[in-house]
Protein backbone atom coordinates (compact mmCIF):
# COMPACT_ATOMS: atom_id res chain seq x y z
CA MET A 1 13.51 9.26 22.97
CA PRO A 2 10.35 7.59 23.75
CA THR A 3 7.30 9.76 23.60
CA GLY A 4 4.91 7.16 25.94
CA ALA A 5 1.93 6.47 24.36
CA PHE A 6 -0.27 8.58 22.51
CA ARG A 7 -3.69 8.02 20.29
CA LEU A 8 -2.22 10.14 17.46
CA ARG A 9 -5.21 11.77 15.59
CA ILE A 10 -5.12 14.42 12.65
CA VAL A 11 -7.72 16.73 11.57
CA ASP A 12 -9.16 18.52 7.98
CA ALA A 13 -11.63 19.55 6.01
CA THR A 14 -11.98 19.93 2.47
CA THR A 15 -14.45 21.50 -0.05
CA VAL A 16 -17.24 20.64 -3.14
CA ASN A 17 -19.80 21.19 -4.94
CA ARG A 18 -22.61 20.60 -6.65
CA PRO A 19 -22.85 20.98 -10.37
CA GLY A 20 -23.20 24.22 -11.50
CA THR A 21 -22.19 26.01 -8.63
CA HIS A 22 -19.11 28.38 -8.13
CA GLY A 23 -17.72 29.30 -4.72
CA THR A 24 -18.00 26.35 -1.79
CA ASP A 25 -21.14 24.47 -1.05
CA PHE A 26 -20.58 21.49 1.96
CA ARG A 27 -17.75 21.55 4.18
CA ILE A 28 -16.42 17.76 4.74
CA HIS A 29 -14.81 17.78 8.17
CA VAL A 30 -12.85 14.32 9.05
CA GLY A 31 -11.16 13.26 11.71
CA MET A 32 -8.58 10.17 11.44
CA ASN A 33 -7.30 8.32 14.71
CA LEU A 34 -4.24 7.47 12.52
CA THR A 35 -3.00 5.09 15.64
CA SER A 36 -5.39 2.67 15.13
CA ALA A 37 -5.49 3.86 10.39
CA GLN A 38 -9.73 4.06 11.68
CA ILE A 39 -11.88 7.84 10.22
CA ASP A 40 -13.59 8.75 13.63
CA HIS A 41 -14.88 11.73 12.79
CA VAL A 42 -17.23 13.03 9.88
CA GLU A 43 -19.40 16.13 9.60
CA ILE A 44 -21.01 17.71 7.00
CA THR A 45 -21.10 21.07 6.75
CA ASP A 46 -21.72 24.43 4.64
CA ALA A 47 -19.81 27.07 3.36
CA LYS A 48 -20.15 28.43 6.28
CA GLY A 49 -19.17 26.00 8.62
CA GLY A 50 -15.76 27.05 9.66
CA GLU A 51 -12.23 24.76 10.14
CA THR A 52 -11.90 24.81 14.37
CA LEU A 53 -10.87 22.07 16.81
CA ASN A 54 -14.45 23.18 18.68
CA ARG A 55 -15.50 19.64 16.12
CA PHE A 56 -13.55 17.32 17.89
CA THR A 57 -13.93 15.27 21.35
CA PHE A 58 -10.44 14.93 22.78
CA VAL A 59 -9.45 13.56 25.64
CA PRO A 60 -6.12 12.38 28.40
CA GLY A 61 -4.03 10.94 25.58
CA ASP A 62 -5.16 12.38 22.15
CA LEU A 63 -1.98 13.72 20.13
CA VAL A 64 -3.82 15.78 17.39
CA LEU A 65 -2.41 17.00 13.80
CA ALA A 66 -3.45 20.09 12.10
CA ASP A 67 -2.93 22.55 9.85
CA ARG A 68 -2.67 26.42 9.70
CA GLY A 69 -6.71 26.26 9.49
CA TYR A 70 -6.91 24.63 13.23
CA ALA A 71 -4.63 27.06 14.93
CA HIS A 72 -6.88 29.80 16.43
CA ARG A 73 -7.15 30.32 20.21
CA ASN A 74 -10.03 28.86 21.19
CA GLY A 75 -9.93 25.59 19.80
CA LEU A 76 -5.84 25.11 21.11
CA GLU A 77 -7.56 25.74 24.33
CA SER A 78 -10.29 23.21 24.30
CA VAL A 79 -7.18 20.99 23.24
CA ALA A 80 -5.35 21.56 26.93
CA ARG A 81 -8.37 22.03 28.92
CA ALA A 82 -9.04 18.28 27.51
CA GLY A 83 -5.99 17.76 28.59
CA ALA A 84 -4.78 15.95 25.36
CA ASN A 85 -1.89 17.84 22.67
CA PHE A 86 -1.84 19.37 19.91
CA ILE A 87 1.16 19.92 16.81
CA VAL A 88 -0.52 22.88 14.46
CA ARG A 89 0.92 24.09 12.14
CA THR A 90 0.97 28.41 12.62
CA ASN A 91 1.80 31.58 10.87
CA TRP A 92 3.43 34.38 12.06
CA GLN A 93 0.68 37.27 12.29
CA ASN A 94 -2.68 34.85 13.22
CA LEU A 95 -1.71 33.40 16.36
CA PRO A 96 -0.42 35.55 18.81
CA LEU A 97 2.33 34.14 20.77
CA GLU A 98 3.98 35.67 24.36
CA SER A 99 7.06 35.07 26.28
CA PRO A 100 6.66 32.35 28.87
CA ASP A 101 7.01 35.96 31.26
CA GLY A 102 4.31 37.90 28.87
CA SER A 103 5.60 39.33 27.11
CA PRO A 104 5.48 39.53 23.58
CA PHE A 105 7.44 36.93 21.02
CA ASP A 106 8.39 37.96 17.96
CA ILE A 107 8.52 35.15 16.06
CA LEU A 108 10.55 35.99 13.31
CA SER A 109 13.46 36.95 15.46
CA ALA A 110 13.38 33.50 16.89
CA LEU A 111 13.79 32.21 13.06
CA ARG A 112 16.41 34.28 12.24
CA SER A 113 18.39 32.51 14.71
CA LEU A 114 17.98 28.95 13.37
CA GLY A 115 21.42 27.34 12.01
CA GLU A 116 20.54 25.17 8.82
CA ALA A 117 19.56 21.60 9.71
CA GLU A 118 18.75 22.42 12.98
CA ALA A 119 15.73 22.22 14.87
CA GLY A 120 14.57 25.24 16.45
CA ASP A 121 12.21 24.40 19.96
CA PHE A 122 11.41 28.05 21.52
CA ALA A 123 9.36 28.07 25.40
CA VAL A 124 5.82 30.46 24.90
CA GLN A 125 2.20 30.73 25.78
CA PHE A 126 -0.57 31.35 23.62
CA ARG A 127 -3.68 32.71 25.69
CA GLY A 128 -6.80 31.68 25.45
CA PRO A 129 -9.87 33.14 24.94
CA THR A 130 -10.81 33.01 28.64
CA GLY A 131 -7.52 35.22 28.85
CA LYS A 132 -6.12 32.14 30.48
CA SER A 133 -2.00 31.70 29.83
CA PHE A 134 -0.73 27.70 28.27
CA PRO A 135 2.24 26.86 27.69
CA ALA A 136 3.47 25.53 24.19
CA ARG A 137 6.68 25.62 22.63
CA LEU A 138 7.18 26.69 19.19
CA VAL A 139 9.28 24.63 16.70
CA ALA A 140 11.02 25.39 13.56
CA THR A 141 13.34 24.49 11.35
CA ARG A 142 15.11 26.19 8.30
CA ARG A 143 13.11 24.86 4.58
CA SER A 144 15.40 24.36 1.30
CA GLU A 145 15.96 26.59 -0.70
CA PRO A 146 13.67 24.95 -3.44
CA ALA A 147 11.07 24.46 -0.96
CA ALA A 148 11.51 28.05 0.54
CA ALA A 149 10.37 28.82 -3.23
CA LYS A 150 7.56 28.00 -3.99
CA THR A 151 6.19 28.69 -0.49
CA ARG A 152 6.90 32.60 -1.40
CA LYS A 153 5.49 31.60 -4.64
CA ASP A 154 2.07 30.33 -3.51
CA ALA A 155 1.90 32.65 -0.99
CA THR A 156 2.49 35.56 -4.17
CA TYR A 157 0.34 34.26 -5.96
CA GLU A 158 -2.73 33.81 -2.81
CA SER A 159 -1.60 37.84 -2.28
CA LYS A 160 -2.34 39.05 -6.02
CA LYS A 161 -5.62 36.50 -6.35
CA LYS A 162 -7.07 38.98 -3.37
CA GLY A 163 -6.15 41.42 -4.94
CA ARG A 164 -2.86 42.63 -2.69
CA LEU A 165 0.49 43.00 -1.96
CA VAL A 166 2.19 40.01 -0.60
CA ASP A 167 3.97 41.34 3.25
CA ALA A 168 7.61 41.24 3.12
CA ARG A 169 7.42 39.21 6.65
CA THR A 170 5.33 36.16 4.58
CA LEU A 171 7.48 35.92 1.94
CA GLU A 172 11.19 36.38 4.91
CA SER A 173 8.59 33.29 7.04
CA ALA A 174 7.97 31.61 4.22
CA GLY A 175 11.78 30.38 4.63
CA PHE A 176 10.85 28.62 7.67
CA PHE A 177 9.09 25.92 8.61
CA TYR A 178 6.98 25.90 12.20
CA VAL A 179 4.44 24.04 14.38
CA LEU A 180 3.62 25.20 17.63
CA THR A 181 2.95 22.16 20.38
CA ASN A 182 1.99 21.58 24.23
CA VAL A 183 3.82 18.47 24.00
CA PRO A 184 6.37 18.55 26.49
CA THR A 185 9.89 18.70 25.49
CA GLU A 186 10.91 15.54 27.95
CA GLN A 187 8.43 13.45 26.01
CA LEU A 188 8.84 14.60 22.64
CA ALA A 189 12.18 16.63 20.89
CA ALA A 190 11.86 18.80 18.93
CA THR A 191 13.08 16.53 15.81
CA GLN A 192 10.06 14.30 16.62
CA VAL A 193 8.13 16.49 16.38
CA LEU A 194 9.06 17.83 13.03
CA GLU A 195 8.69 14.06 11.94
CA LEU A 196 5.36 13.35 13.41
CA TYR A 197 3.94 16.59 11.63
CA ARG A 198 4.39 14.37 8.32
CA PHE A 199 1.61 12.40 8.96
CA ARG A 200 -0.53 15.33 8.62
CA TRP A 201 -0.27 14.94 4.66
CA GLN A 202 -1.87 10.75 4.51
CA ILE A 203 -5.43 12.92 5.41
CA GLU A 204 -4.28 15.24 2.35
CA MET A 205 -3.69 12.40 0.32
CA ASN A 206 -7.07 10.74 1.49
CA PHE A 207 -9.13 14.33 0.35
CA LYS A 208 -6.80 14.16 -3.35
CA ASP A 209 -8.16 10.38 -3.62
CA LEU A 210 -11.89 10.95 -2.88
CA LYS A 211 -11.78 13.70 -5.30
CA SER A 212 -9.79 12.18 -8.28
CA VAL A 213 -9.88 8.78 -7.72
CA LEU A 214 -13.66 8.47 -6.56
CA ASP A 215 -15.00 11.33 -8.40
CA LEU A 216 -16.79 13.35 -4.94
CA ASN A 217 -17.08 16.45 -6.00
CA ASN A 218 -19.38 15.42 -9.07
CA ILE A 219 -22.71 15.42 -7.14
CA PRO A 220 -25.47 14.10 -8.83
CA ALA A 221 -28.02 16.06 -7.41
CA LYS A 222 -28.82 19.84 -6.84
CA ASP A 223 -31.21 19.57 -3.40
CA PRO A 224 -29.02 19.58 -1.23
CA ALA A 225 -30.47 17.04 1.01
CA LEU A 226 -29.68 14.72 -1.22
CA ALA A 227 -26.86 15.92 -2.33
CA ARG A 228 -25.51 15.40 1.60
CA SER A 229 -27.20 11.74 2.04
CA TRP A 230 -25.20 10.95 -1.66
CA LEU A 231 -22.24 12.35 -0.02
CA TYR A 232 -22.23 10.38 3.59
CA ALA A 233 -22.63 7.21 0.97
CA LYS A 234 -19.85 7.98 -0.78
CA LEU A 235 -17.66 8.09 1.71
CA LEU A 236 -18.73 5.12 4.01
CA GLY A 237 -17.76 3.58 1.05
CA ALA A 238 -14.16 5.73 0.70
CA PHE A 239 -13.41 4.87 4.14
CA LEU A 240 -14.56 1.04 3.79
CA ILE A 241 -11.62 0.87 0.83
CA ASP A 242 -9.41 3.19 3.08
CA ASP A 243 -9.30 1.02 5.83
CA LEU A 244 -8.65 -1.82 3.27
CA THR A 245 -5.96 -1.27 1.52
CA SER A 246 -4.33 1.61 5.26
CA ARG A 247 -1.30 3.79 2.90
CA TYR A 248 1.01 5.19 4.65
CA VAL A 249 2.17 8.61 2.85
CA SER A 250 6.10 9.58 3.98
CA PHE A 251 6.54 14.04 3.08
CA SER A 252 9.27 15.59 4.45
CA PRO A 253 7.63 19.87 3.98
CA TRP A 254 10.41 21.93 4.96
CA GLY A 255 12.38 19.37 1.89
CA TYR A 256 15.24 17.44 3.75
CA LYS A 257 16.49 15.03 6.63
CA ILE A 258 16.11 17.09 9.73
CA GLN A 259 19.75 15.85 12.20
CA GLY A 260 18.93 14.38 14.73
CA PRO A 261 16.83 12.18 17.19
CA THR A 262 13.87 10.98 14.87
CA ASP A 263 12.67 7.59 16.45
CA LEU A 264 9.05 7.21 17.44
CA ASP A 265 7.67 5.74 19.73
CA LEU A 266 3.85 5.36 19.34
CA GLU A 267 1.46 3.16 21.24
CA ALA A 268 -2.16 2.47 20.18
CA SER A 269 -4.75 3.82 22.76
CA SER A 270 -7.24 1.71 24.38
CA HIS A 271 -9.69 4.74 24.21
CA SER A 272 -12.62 4.02 21.79
CA PRO A 273 -13.13 6.31 18.69
């Protein structure tokens, strides 16, 4: 199935700290144009600078991949209003979804209907902060048991760290992998949506390289202004290296190959970064 021409973009953020401090000192927000293998957005904020799609500029033809930290109504509305598309991971509680008729959409009930090793595709809509509704699709698949067990373990650990019991619905939803997209079905089948989302892990691997190989977390300056200058210089060098190596990572967060069409036909867009 042809997918048309998309400029595939990935956005994410990572945190860094100055020596001797605890918590978050800086948050680095990065946008990557995966179609051209170029970084097209870098912004350094303090700890209050949250993850939001509103930080980035999108145009028609863009298809942005983002983790669930970006699954907020205002950011998704800004992408839709720009005429762009998104594939964003979400969860069962943070982003209220509706059925096309406006009634509440029960994510867990929809997930329970999925068979083994198949991609589910559910028509939904979400309402932005302005109250306007936007059509979308919830695309989901069951995780393999090892992948589900790891997700449940991580969720339990995070809840204990925050001093509360893990919600039973969180443990149930850990058995599934699901994303929200506004790409029409005729452009991307459900299996293609899930395969495309795998590319988001490229930016995660870049962050790991920055911290482990290029020692991004070891900021040799305590003054905030000097620390920012050091970070920007370090990032510039890192992105030049990444541009030369152009490494790609293949990773399946649901743990197995899904049955169905997965061929993708992404063409480079003429948009400038």
